[in-house]
Amino acid sequence: MALVALLSSLYVVANAIPIDAFVGGTGFITAGIILLPVLARLLKPKDSIVMALLASLGLLVFQLSVVPVFGFYGLLIPSLAIVIGSLGTYRSYLYPLSYISLGAAWYILFSGGTPAWLVPYLITTLLLAVVQSRRARVSKSTELVTHSLGTTMCELVTLNIGSVSLLHLPAELWTVITPLMFLERTVAVVGGYAILTALVRVKGVLRLEGI
């Protein structure tokens, strides 16, 4: 519980550091996206649910990240990513693969946006499928990259579903924000992977398991 409380606090603080303004500037994509893969890796599914609840309370109280835009729905955006990412690590990568596939279908059916938006969806689902089928044989670095990409894409899926169904973003806008999305996801994956790689090297000293 001490680790859960510590990580929850760290995540809330990270969400006070903006990376990019969300559409309209009311909310922000924050440094919290870098920590999502780390949290999903460090916490087993049951602990990830507790952590998601605690972190959501902090985001709601301080009105951080995209909570000012989406309200209570905004709490699901990081929470589902952490929980599904943890399920991918400790159970099966079919969990994030299925959720990301759902997100791709939702975008195709309801957004009317550019097909370019789906490029990271395609890359992620292919990687997850390959790693899941060869999990015992892939290298640790490949598995960490896949985990980081899968977790951050789960966050994007929930964000996109809300943007399509709650905010009703116009089809033309997706073309404009696609390059920004590529940048944000790259920052999240590279940052998350770098932290996890560092933790793997010192996990014996820190007594961390499951990384």
Protein backbone atom coordinates (compact mmCIF):
# COMPACT_ATOMS: atom_id res chain seq x y z
CA MET A 1 0.00 0.00 0.00
CA ALA A 2 2.92 2.33 0.66
CA LEU A 3 4.14 1.85 -2.91
CA VAL A 4 0.62 2.42 -4.27
CA ALA A 5 0.26 5.65 -2.27
CA LEU A 6 3.71 6.85 -3.36
CA LEU A 7 3.08 6.14 -7.04
CA SER A 8 -0.37 7.75 -6.86
CA SER A 9 1.13 10.94 -5.45
CA LEU A 10 3.92 10.92 -8.00
CA TYR A 11 1.43 10.52 -10.83
CA VAL A 12 -0.73 13.42 -9.61
CA VAL A 13 2.34 15.67 -9.38
CA ALA A 14 3.42 14.64 -12.90
CA ASN A 15 0.02 15.72 -14.18
CA ALA A 16 0.78 19.26 -13.09
CA ILE A 17 3.53 19.39 -15.76
CA PRO A 18 1.97 20.15 -19.17
CA ILE A 19 3.42 18.76 -22.39
CA ASP A 20 0.82 19.97 -24.86
CA ALA A 21 -2.48 21.87 -24.64
CA PHE A 22 -5.59 19.84 -25.33
CA VAL A 23 -7.98 21.09 -28.02
CA GLY A 24 -9.18 24.53 -26.95
CA GLY A 25 -6.53 24.90 -24.24
CA THR A 26 -8.89 24.06 -21.34
CA GLY A 27 -6.92 20.98 -20.35
CA PHE A 28 -3.44 19.63 -20.96
CA ILE A 29 -1.70 16.48 -22.06
CA THR A 30 0.82 16.17 -19.23
CA ALA A 31 3.99 14.40 -18.15
CA GLY A 32 1.71 11.86 -16.51
CA ILE A 33 1.59 9.97 -19.81
CA ILE A 34 5.27 9.09 -19.37
CA LEU A 35 4.52 7.40 -16.05
CA LEU A 36 1.57 5.34 -17.26
CA PRO A 37 3.68 2.44 -18.60
CA VAL A 38 5.82 2.53 -15.44
CA LEU A 39 2.82 2.35 -13.12
CA ALA A 40 1.19 -0.41 -15.16
CA ARG A 41 4.42 -2.39 -14.96
CA LEU A 42 5.13 -1.93 -11.26
CA LEU A 43 1.62 -2.69 -10.02
CA LYS A 44 -0.28 -5.94 -10.30
CA PRO A 45 -3.91 -5.66 -11.50
CA LYS A 46 -5.54 -5.42 -8.07
CA ASP A 47 -3.04 -2.82 -6.87
CA SER A 48 -3.40 -0.92 -10.14
CA ILE A 49 -7.13 -0.53 -9.50
CA VAL A 50 -6.47 0.96 -6.06
CA MET A 51 -3.80 3.25 -7.47
CA ALA A 52 -6.10 4.37 -10.29
CA LEU A 53 -8.80 5.30 -7.76
CA LEU A 54 -6.38 7.26 -5.58
CA ALA A 55 -4.80 9.06 -8.53
CA SER A 56 -8.22 9.88 -9.97
CA LEU A 57 -9.22 11.49 -6.69
CA GLY A 58 -6.11 13.69 -6.86
CA LEU A 59 -6.76 14.67 -10.48
CA LEU A 60 -10.36 15.53 -9.65
CA VAL A 61 -9.51 17.60 -6.58
CA PHE A 62 -6.80 19.61 -8.33
CA GLN A 63 -8.53 19.64 -11.75
CA LEU A 64 -5.44 18.43 -13.59
CA SER A 65 -4.79 17.02 -17.06
CA VAL A 66 -7.97 16.72 -19.18
CA VAL A 67 -10.35 16.52 -16.22
CA PRO A 68 -11.46 20.16 -16.77
CA VAL A 69 -12.52 19.15 -20.29
CA PHE A 70 -14.18 15.79 -19.70
CA GLY A 71 -15.26 15.95 -16.05
CA PHE A 72 -15.69 12.54 -14.44
CA TYR A 73 -15.12 10.76 -17.74
CA GLY A 74 -11.61 12.22 -17.72
CA LEU A 75 -10.80 10.04 -14.71
CA LEU A 76 -11.23 6.93 -16.85
CA ILE A 77 -8.55 8.05 -19.32
CA PRO A 78 -5.50 7.29 -17.14
CA SER A 79 -7.26 4.72 -14.95
CA LEU A 80 -8.14 2.31 -17.76
CA ALA A 81 -4.65 2.64 -19.23
CA ILE A 82 -3.01 1.68 -15.93
CA VAL A 83 -5.34 -1.25 -15.25
CA ILE A 84 -5.34 -2.64 -18.81
CA GLY A 85 -1.58 -2.14 -19.07
CA SER A 86 -1.13 -4.09 -15.83
CA LEU A 87 -3.39 -6.86 -17.12
CA GLY A 88 -1.21 -7.01 -20.22
CA THR A 89 1.94 -7.43 -18.15
CA TYR A 90 0.66 -9.90 -15.59
CA ARG A 91 -2.05 -11.76 -17.53
CA SER A 92 -2.08 -11.44 -21.32
CA TYR A 93 -1.37 -8.81 -23.95
CA LEU A 94 -4.71 -9.75 -25.47
CA TYR A 95 -6.27 -7.28 -23.00
CA PRO A 96 -4.62 -4.14 -24.42
CA LEU A 97 -4.77 -5.58 -27.94
CA SER A 98 -8.54 -6.00 -27.70
CA TYR A 99 -9.07 -2.55 -26.20
CA ILE A 100 -6.92 -0.83 -28.82
CA SER A 101 -8.76 -2.71 -31.58
CA LEU A 102 -12.03 -1.45 -30.11
CA GLY A 103 -10.63 2.09 -30.15
CA ALA A 104 -9.62 1.78 -33.81
CA ALA A 105 -13.08 0.53 -34.74
CA TRP A 106 -14.71 3.38 -32.78
CA TYR A 107 -12.57 5.94 -34.60
CA ILE A 108 -13.34 4.46 -38.02
CA LEU A 109 -17.08 4.27 -37.39
CA PHE A 110 -17.73 7.57 -35.66
CA SER A 111 -14.97 10.16 -36.13
CA GLY A 112 -14.81 10.73 -39.88
CA GLY A 113 -11.17 11.66 -39.34
CA THR A 114 -7.98 10.99 -41.29
CA PRO A 115 -6.81 7.37 -41.69
CA ALA A 116 -3.31 8.55 -40.67
CA TRP A 117 -4.54 8.65 -37.07
CA LEU A 118 -4.72 4.86 -37.12
CA VAL A 119 -1.03 4.28 -37.89
CA PRO A 120 0.05 3.84 -34.24
CA TYR A 121 -3.01 1.66 -33.63
CA LEU A 122 -1.88 -0.70 -36.40
CA ILE A 123 1.73 -0.77 -35.21
CA THR A 124 0.70 -1.41 -31.62
CA THR A 125 -1.76 -4.22 -32.35
CA LEU A 126 0.80 -5.98 -34.55
CA LEU A 127 3.51 -5.69 -31.88
CA LEU A 128 1.19 -6.90 -29.13
CA ALA A 129 0.10 -9.88 -31.21
CA VAL A 130 3.69 -10.85 -32.03
CA VAL A 131 4.94 -10.47 -28.46
CA GLN A 132 1.95 -12.35 -27.06
CA SER A 133 2.56 -15.26 -29.42
CA ARG A 134 6.32 -15.35 -28.70
CA ARG A 135 6.37 -14.00 -25.17
CA ALA A 136 8.91 -16.45 -23.82
CA ARG A 137 11.32 -15.75 -26.69
CA VAL A 138 11.28 -11.99 -27.20
CA SER A 139 13.99 -9.85 -25.64
CA LYS A 140 13.32 -7.82 -22.51
CA SER A 141 13.83 -4.55 -24.41
CA THR A 142 11.31 -5.54 -27.11
CA GLU A 143 8.79 -6.53 -24.46
CA LEU A 144 9.26 -3.25 -22.57
CA VAL A 145 8.79 -1.20 -25.75
CA THR A 146 5.63 -3.17 -26.56
CA HIS A 147 4.31 -2.74 -23.02
CA SER A 148 5.03 1.01 -23.06
CA LEU A 149 3.38 1.47 -26.45
CA GLY A 150 0.38 -0.67 -25.53
CA THR A 151 -0.25 1.18 -22.27
CA THR A 152 0.03 4.67 -23.74
CA MET A 153 -2.22 3.67 -26.64
CA CYS A 154 -4.85 2.44 -24.18
CA GLU A 155 -4.82 5.93 -22.71
CA LEU A 156 -5.24 7.39 -26.19
CA VAL A 157 -8.17 5.07 -26.96
CA THR A 158 -10.18 6.32 -23.97
CA LEU A 159 -9.24 9.90 -24.81
CA ASN A 160 -10.36 9.43 -28.41
CA ILE A 161 -13.66 7.80 -27.52
CA GLY A 162 -14.47 10.77 -25.31
CA SER A 163 -13.34 13.23 -27.98
CA VAL A 164 -15.56 11.57 -30.57
CA SER A 165 -18.64 10.81 -28.50
CA LEU A 166 -18.65 13.56 -25.87
CA LEU A 167 -16.84 16.49 -27.50
CA HIS A 168 -17.91 15.67 -31.08
CA LEU A 169 -14.67 16.93 -32.59
CA PRO A 170 -15.13 17.81 -36.30
CA ALA A 171 -13.61 15.43 -38.83
CA GLU A 172 -11.22 18.06 -40.22
CA LEU A 173 -9.64 18.64 -36.82
CA TRP A 174 -8.21 15.12 -36.63
CA THR A 175 -5.91 15.91 -39.54
CA VAL A 176 -4.58 18.99 -37.74
CA ILE A 177 -3.89 17.24 -34.44
CA THR A 178 -2.47 13.99 -35.86
CA PRO A 179 1.19 15.21 -35.85
CA LEU A 180 0.76 16.37 -32.23
CA MET A 181 -0.59 12.96 -31.29
CA PHE A 182 2.44 11.29 -32.89
CA LEU A 183 4.72 13.54 -30.84
CA GLU A 184 2.87 12.93 -27.57
CA ARG A 185 2.85 9.16 -28.00
CA THR A 186 6.54 9.17 -28.89
CA VAL A 187 7.35 11.13 -25.73
CA ALA A 188 5.25 8.72 -23.66
CA VAL A 189 6.80 5.57 -25.12
CA VAL A 190 10.41 6.77 -25.07
CA GLY A 191 10.07 8.23 -21.58
CA GLY A 192 8.27 5.23 -20.14
CA TYR A 193 10.70 2.79 -21.75
CA ALA A 194 13.73 4.74 -20.48
CA ILE A 195 12.44 4.73 -16.90
CA LEU A 196 11.56 1.02 -17.03
CA THR A 197 14.96 0.14 -18.49
CA ALA A 198 16.65 2.01 -15.65
CA LEU A 199 14.46 0.24 -13.09
CA VAL A 200 15.30 -3.17 -14.57
CA ARG A 201 18.99 -2.45 -13.96
CA VAL A 202 18.46 -1.59 -10.29
CA LYS A 203 15.47 -3.77 -9.43
CA GLY A 204 17.58 -5.98 -7.16
CA VAL A 205 18.65 -3.01 -5.07
CA LEU A 206 15.14 -1.57 -4.93
CA ARG A 207 13.56 -5.02 -4.40
CA LEU A 208 11.20 -4.56 -7.29
CA GLU A 209 9.62 -7.62 -8.85
CA GLY A 210 7.87 -8.19 -12.15
CA ILE A 211 9.58 -5.47 -14.20
